[in-house]
């Protein structure tokens, strides 16, 4: 199997899980290399996602690492399969790799939970609204850069056209509903679009009113992608330099708690829809 120059998020995650299993077993790369009959460099490359691993070799490692969670192992084996290039790969070399990673993360998720404090959730943004969001950065992007990002964001929404689309839950702070990206008309259209989206099966949009006061995670947006098994969950956080990804157990637990807090504090689905419509009528 040949090496990869630019492993995808999914490939890197599989490698990270291989390393996690090895460390949990207290095994060295030399031990793993001996099991597979390869040199330790190849094992390191497998654990970084640079080199693929076959299902047979993965089973060998899982067996000797004494990993008894069959559901988890089967999920990892499914990740070894070669699949068609995702639509996001067309943008590789044109857009930042982090944006492509978000698209792949959403595509592979069984369930998506998001917490937004400044923007409407990306998967439900209109073109006009997204254009205003991408234009409002420094240094000022070119028109081409903005349009490429807008097109990418619109195409991300095709995740809901999957044969089995992910369940989607969004917690949106009231502040994000009142920031007029693109002006009053664009914002009104955006809020109406958000209300229509909330009526879809499998989509739940909940509003956190400002009256609630302080809340955890106020300084950033959060995307929690649920894997086919909990061990493969991933959190993506926005930052000034681009998206950050984490799947450390402690971090996953923390952000699950954040989402649980939001679920308790936010308005109900129907009350949230009424709240959004009220803001739209005031524009």
Protein backbone atom coordinates (compact mmCIF):
# COMPACT_ATOMS: atom_id res chain seq x y z
CA UNK A 1 0.00 0.00 0.00
CA UNK A 2 1.41 3.36 -1.01
CA UNK A 3 1.88 6.33 1.29
CA UNK A 4 -0.29 9.45 1.17
CA UNK A 5 1.02 12.99 1.00
CA UNK A 6 -2.17 14.59 2.37
CA UNK A 7 -4.20 12.18 4.52
CA UNK A 8 -7.79 13.24 5.08
CA UNK A 9 -9.38 13.89 8.47
CA UNK A 10 -10.91 10.39 8.42
CA UNK A 11 -7.56 8.78 7.61
CA UNK A 12 -5.77 10.77 10.30
CA UNK A 13 -8.43 9.83 12.82
CA UNK A 14 -8.08 6.13 12.04
CA UNK A 15 -4.35 6.43 12.62
CA UNK A 16 -4.93 8.25 15.90
CA UNK A 17 -7.22 5.44 17.07
CA UNK A 18 -4.56 2.86 16.22
CA UNK A 19 -2.09 4.77 18.37
CA UNK A 20 -4.65 5.13 21.18
CA UNK A 21 -5.24 1.36 21.19
CA UNK A 22 -1.52 0.67 21.26
CA UNK A 23 -0.85 3.05 24.14
CA UNK A 24 -3.83 1.68 26.10
CA UNK A 25 -2.26 -1.76 25.77
CA UNK A 26 1.14 -0.46 26.90
CA UNK A 27 2.67 -1.66 23.62
CA UNK A 28 5.57 -0.11 21.72
CA UNK A 29 5.84 0.59 17.99
CA UNK A 30 8.49 -2.14 17.89
CA UNK A 31 5.98 -4.63 19.29
CA UNK A 32 3.35 -3.60 16.72
CA UNK A 33 5.91 -3.80 13.92
CA UNK A 34 6.81 -7.31 14.99
CA UNK A 35 3.17 -8.39 14.93
CA UNK A 36 2.73 -7.12 11.39
CA UNK A 37 6.14 -8.09 10.06
CA UNK A 38 7.05 -4.53 9.10
CA UNK A 39 9.51 -1.92 10.33
CA UNK A 40 8.53 0.57 13.06
CA UNK A 41 8.52 3.46 10.59
CA UNK A 42 5.62 1.86 8.75
CA UNK A 43 3.69 1.52 12.02
CA UNK A 44 4.33 5.21 12.77
CA UNK A 45 3.09 6.10 9.28
CA UNK A 46 -0.07 4.03 9.84
CA UNK A 47 -0.68 5.88 13.11
CA UNK A 48 -0.31 9.25 11.39
CA UNK A 49 -2.63 8.33 8.52
CA UNK A 50 0.15 8.58 5.96
CA UNK A 51 0.03 4.86 5.19
CA UNK A 52 -3.22 2.83 5.01
CA UNK A 53 -3.82 -0.33 6.99
CA UNK A 54 -5.70 -3.43 5.87
CA UNK A 55 -8.66 -4.86 7.85
CA UNK A 56 -6.62 -8.00 8.53
CA UNK A 57 -3.73 -6.09 10.04
CA UNK A 58 -6.10 -3.94 12.08
CA UNK A 59 -7.74 -7.08 13.50
CA UNK A 60 -4.30 -8.47 14.34
CA UNK A 61 -3.39 -5.34 16.27
CA UNK A 62 -6.77 -5.15 18.05
CA UNK A 63 -6.47 -8.80 19.10
CA UNK A 64 -2.95 -8.47 20.49
CA UNK A 65 -3.82 -5.12 22.10
CA UNK A 66 -6.63 -7.00 23.91
CA UNK A 67 -9.28 -4.60 22.62
CA UNK A 68 -12.51 -6.45 23.40
CA UNK A 69 -14.93 -3.80 22.08
CA UNK A 70 -16.08 -5.49 18.86
CA UNK A 71 -18.37 -2.63 17.84
CA UNK A 72 -15.48 -0.19 18.08
CA UNK A 73 -13.13 -2.49 16.16
CA UNK A 74 -15.72 -3.01 13.41
CA UNK A 75 -16.15 0.75 13.14
CA UNK A 76 -12.40 1.13 12.67
CA UNK A 77 -12.37 -1.62 10.05
CA UNK A 78 -15.09 0.23 8.15
CA UNK A 79 -12.78 3.26 8.12
CA UNK A 80 -10.07 1.27 6.31
CA UNK A 81 -12.27 0.81 3.25
CA UNK A 82 -11.37 2.73 0.12
CA UNK A 83 -14.20 5.01 -0.89
CA UNK A 84 -14.90 7.46 -3.65
CA UNK A 85 -13.34 10.87 -3.28
CA UNK A 86 -15.66 13.18 -1.41
CA UNK A 87 -17.03 16.21 -3.23
CA UNK A 88 -14.90 18.41 -0.93
CA UNK A 89 -11.71 17.02 -2.46
CA UNK A 90 -12.39 19.13 -5.55
CA UNK A 91 -11.48 22.15 -3.44
CA UNK A 92 -8.17 20.79 -2.17
CA UNK A 93 -5.44 23.24 -3.06
CA UNK A 94 -8.01 26.01 -3.50
CA UNK A 95 -9.45 26.29 -0.01
CA UNK A 96 -7.84 25.79 3.38
CA UNK A 97 -7.59 22.12 4.34
CA UNK A 98 -9.51 22.81 7.56
CA UNK A 99 -12.64 23.71 5.60
CA UNK A 100 -12.45 20.41 3.73
CA UNK A 101 -12.01 18.59 7.04
CA UNK A 102 -15.25 20.12 8.36
CA UNK A 103 -17.14 18.93 5.28
CA UNK A 104 -15.75 15.40 5.68
CA UNK A 105 -16.52 15.41 9.41
CA UNK A 106 -20.15 16.34 8.75
CA UNK A 107 -20.46 13.78 5.96
CA UNK A 108 -19.32 10.93 8.19
CA UNK A 109 -21.30 11.96 11.28
CA UNK A 110 -24.28 9.94 12.47
CA UNK A 111 -25.52 12.95 14.42
CA UNK A 112 -24.43 16.59 14.51
CA UNK A 113 -24.83 18.97 17.44
CA UNK A 114 -23.73 22.58 17.17
CA UNK A 115 -23.61 25.63 19.41
CA UNK A 116 -23.50 29.02 17.67
CA UNK A 117 -23.03 32.37 19.39
CA UNK A 118 -22.30 34.78 16.54
CA UNK A 119 -23.54 33.17 13.31
CA UNK A 120 -26.48 31.15 12.07
CA UNK A 121 -25.41 27.48 11.68
CA UNK A 122 -23.39 27.05 8.48
CA UNK A 123 -25.51 24.20 7.13
CA UNK A 124 -28.53 26.51 7.07
CA UNK A 125 -26.95 29.73 5.83
CA UNK A 126 -28.26 31.43 2.70
CA UNK A 127 -25.81 32.51 0.02
CA UNK A 128 -26.29 36.21 0.77
CA UNK A 129 -25.75 35.72 4.48
CA UNK A 130 -22.69 33.47 3.99
CA UNK A 131 -21.22 36.00 1.57
CA UNK A 132 -21.50 38.74 4.19
CA UNK A 133 -19.91 36.50 6.84
CA UNK A 134 -16.93 35.61 4.65
CA UNK A 135 -16.43 39.21 3.52
CA UNK A 136 -16.20 40.44 7.12
CA UNK A 137 -12.68 39.15 7.84
CA UNK A 138 -9.21 40.66 7.94
CA UNK A 139 -7.15 40.84 5.87
CA UNK A 140 -9.89 41.60 3.37
CA UNK A 141 -10.35 38.60 1.05
CA UNK A 142 -10.65 38.94 -2.72
CA UNK A 143 -14.04 38.52 -4.32
CA UNK A 144 -12.90 35.17 -5.74
CA UNK A 145 -11.87 33.93 -2.28
CA UNK A 146 -15.26 34.90 -0.87
CA UNK A 147 -17.19 33.23 -3.70
CA UNK A 148 -15.16 30.01 -3.40
CA UNK A 149 -15.95 29.82 0.31
CA UNK A 150 -19.63 30.58 -0.27
CA UNK A 151 -19.88 27.85 -2.91
CA UNK A 152 -18.18 25.39 -0.56
CA UNK A 153 -20.54 26.27 2.29
CA UNK A 154 -23.59 25.82 0.06
CA UNK A 155 -22.35 22.45 -1.12
CA UNK A 156 -21.82 21.31 2.48
CA UNK A 157 -25.59 21.39 2.81
CA UNK A 158 -25.84 18.34 0.56
CA UNK A 159 -25.16 16.27 3.69
CA UNK A 160 -28.93 16.31 4.17
CA UNK A 161 -29.34 14.58 0.80
CA UNK A 162 -27.49 11.49 2.05
CA UNK A 163 -29.55 8.27 1.96
CA UNK A 164 -29.51 8.45 5.78
CA UNK A 165 -28.91 12.11 6.69
CA UNK A 166 -27.55 12.91 10.14
CA UNK A 167 -29.82 13.99 12.96
CA UNK A 168 -29.04 17.68 13.46
CA UNK A 169 -29.47 19.73 16.64
CA UNK A 170 -28.44 23.39 16.78
CA UNK A 171 -28.34 25.64 19.83
CA UNK A 172 -28.26 29.24 18.63
CA UNK A 173 -27.76 32.20 20.92
CA UNK A 174 -30.11 35.13 20.42
CA UNK A 175 -27.13 37.37 19.61
CA UNK A 176 -26.47 35.35 16.46
CA UNK A 177 -30.05 35.98 15.34
CA UNK A 178 -29.74 39.73 15.74
CA UNK A 179 -26.38 40.36 14.04
CA UNK A 180 -27.40 41.76 10.65
CA UNK A 181 -24.89 40.20 8.29
CA UNK A 182 -25.77 41.52 4.84
CA UNK A 183 -28.27 44.07 6.17
CA UNK A 184 -31.90 43.85 7.37
CA UNK A 185 -33.34 42.27 4.21
CA UNK A 186 -30.66 39.59 3.99
CA UNK A 187 -31.05 38.86 7.68
CA UNK A 188 -34.82 38.59 7.42
CA UNK A 189 -34.46 36.14 4.56
CA UNK A 190 -31.89 34.19 6.57
CA UNK A 191 -34.15 33.92 9.61
CA UNK A 192 -37.08 32.80 7.49
CA UNK A 193 -34.86 30.17 5.90
CA UNK A 194 -33.79 29.01 9.36
CA UNK A 195 -37.42 28.62 10.42
CA UNK A 196 -38.20 26.51 7.36
CA UNK A 197 -35.14 24.36 8.08
CA UNK A 198 -36.34 23.76 11.64
CA UNK A 199 -39.48 22.11 10.25
CA UNK A 200 -37.52 19.32 8.54
CA UNK A 201 -37.56 15.83 9.97
CA UNK A 202 -34.45 15.17 12.03
CA UNK A 203 -33.64 18.88 12.47
CA UNK A 204 -34.02 20.61 15.83
CA UNK A 205 -33.10 24.29 16.21
CA UNK A 206 -33.19 25.71 19.73
CA UNK A 207 -32.69 29.34 20.77
CA UNK A 208 -30.84 30.48 23.88
CA UNK A 209 -32.30 33.92 24.83
CA UNK A 210 -30.03 36.63 26.19
CA UNK A 211 -32.09 36.65 29.40
CA UNK A 212 -30.46 33.35 30.35
CA UNK A 213 -27.27 35.26 31.03
CA UNK A 214 -23.85 33.62 31.26
CA UNK A 215 -23.38 30.25 29.60
CA UNK A 216 -20.51 27.77 29.11
CA UNK A 217 -18.48 28.04 25.92
CA UNK A 218 -19.53 31.63 25.28
CA UNK A 219 -16.27 32.46 23.53
CA UNK A 220 -16.49 30.10 20.59
CA UNK A 221 -18.70 28.13 18.21
CA UNK A 222 -18.84 24.39 18.64
CA UNK A 223 -19.58 21.49 16.30
CA UNK A 224 -19.93 18.07 17.91
CA UNK A 225 -19.93 15.24 15.37
CA UNK A 226 -21.19 11.95 16.78
CA UNK A 227 -19.48 8.90 15.28
CA UNK A 228 -21.04 5.50 14.70
CA UNK A 229 -19.64 4.62 18.16
CA UNK A 230 -18.98 7.16 20.96
CA UNK A 231 -15.21 6.57 20.81
CA UNK A 232 -15.21 8.14 17.33
CA UNK A 233 -16.92 11.39 18.33
CA UNK A 234 -15.10 14.58 17.31
CA UNK A 235 -15.35 18.22 18.39
CA UNK A 236 -14.55 21.06 16.02
CA UNK A 237 -14.00 24.58 17.37
CA UNK A 238 -13.67 27.80 15.39
CA UNK A 239 -10.62 29.98 15.90
CA UNK A 240 -9.04 33.00 14.25
CA UNK A 241 -6.46 30.80 12.49
CA UNK A 242 -8.95 28.18 11.29
CA UNK A 243 -10.84 25.17 12.68
CA UNK A 244 -9.44 23.11 15.53
CA UNK A 245 -10.36 19.45 16.03
CA UNK A 246 -10.17 17.35 19.19
CA UNK A 247 -11.25 13.88 20.20
CA UNK A 248 -9.52 13.58 23.57
CA UNK A 249 -11.82 11.87 26.06
CA UNK A 250 -11.71 14.74 28.57
CA UNK A 251 -12.53 17.31 25.89
CA UNK A 252 -15.42 15.24 24.52
CA UNK A 253 -16.85 14.91 28.02
CA UNK A 254 -16.56 18.65 28.58
CA UNK A 255 -18.34 19.59 25.38
CA UNK A 256 -21.04 16.97 25.88
CA UNK A 257 -21.69 18.73 29.20
CA UNK A 258 -21.84 22.08 27.37
CA UNK A 259 -24.46 20.72 24.99
CA UNK A 260 -26.40 19.20 27.85
CA UNK A 261 -26.46 22.58 29.57
CA UNK A 262 -27.71 24.19 26.35
CA UNK A 263 -30.43 21.60 25.99
CA UNK A 264 -31.73 22.40 29.46
CA UNK A 265 -31.51 26.19 29.09
CA UNK A 266 -32.74 26.73 25.52
CA UNK A 267 -36.31 27.35 24.44
CA UNK A 268 -38.32 24.44 23.11
CA UNK A 269 -38.31 23.74 19.38
CA UNK A 270 -41.68 25.39 18.72
CA UNK A 271 -40.96 28.33 21.03
CA UNK A 272 -37.60 28.82 19.29
CA UNK A 273 -39.31 28.92 15.90
CA UNK A 274 -41.75 31.56 17.16
CA UNK A 275 -38.85 33.52 18.65
CA UNK A 276 -36.95 33.55 15.36
CA UNK A 277 -40.05 34.63 13.42
CA UNK A 278 -40.63 37.47 15.88
CA UNK A 279 -37.09 38.77 15.28
CA UNK A 280 -37.56 38.44 11.50
CA UNK A 281 -40.77 40.50 11.61
CA UNK A 282 -38.99 43.25 13.51
CA UNK A 283 -36.41 43.78 10.74
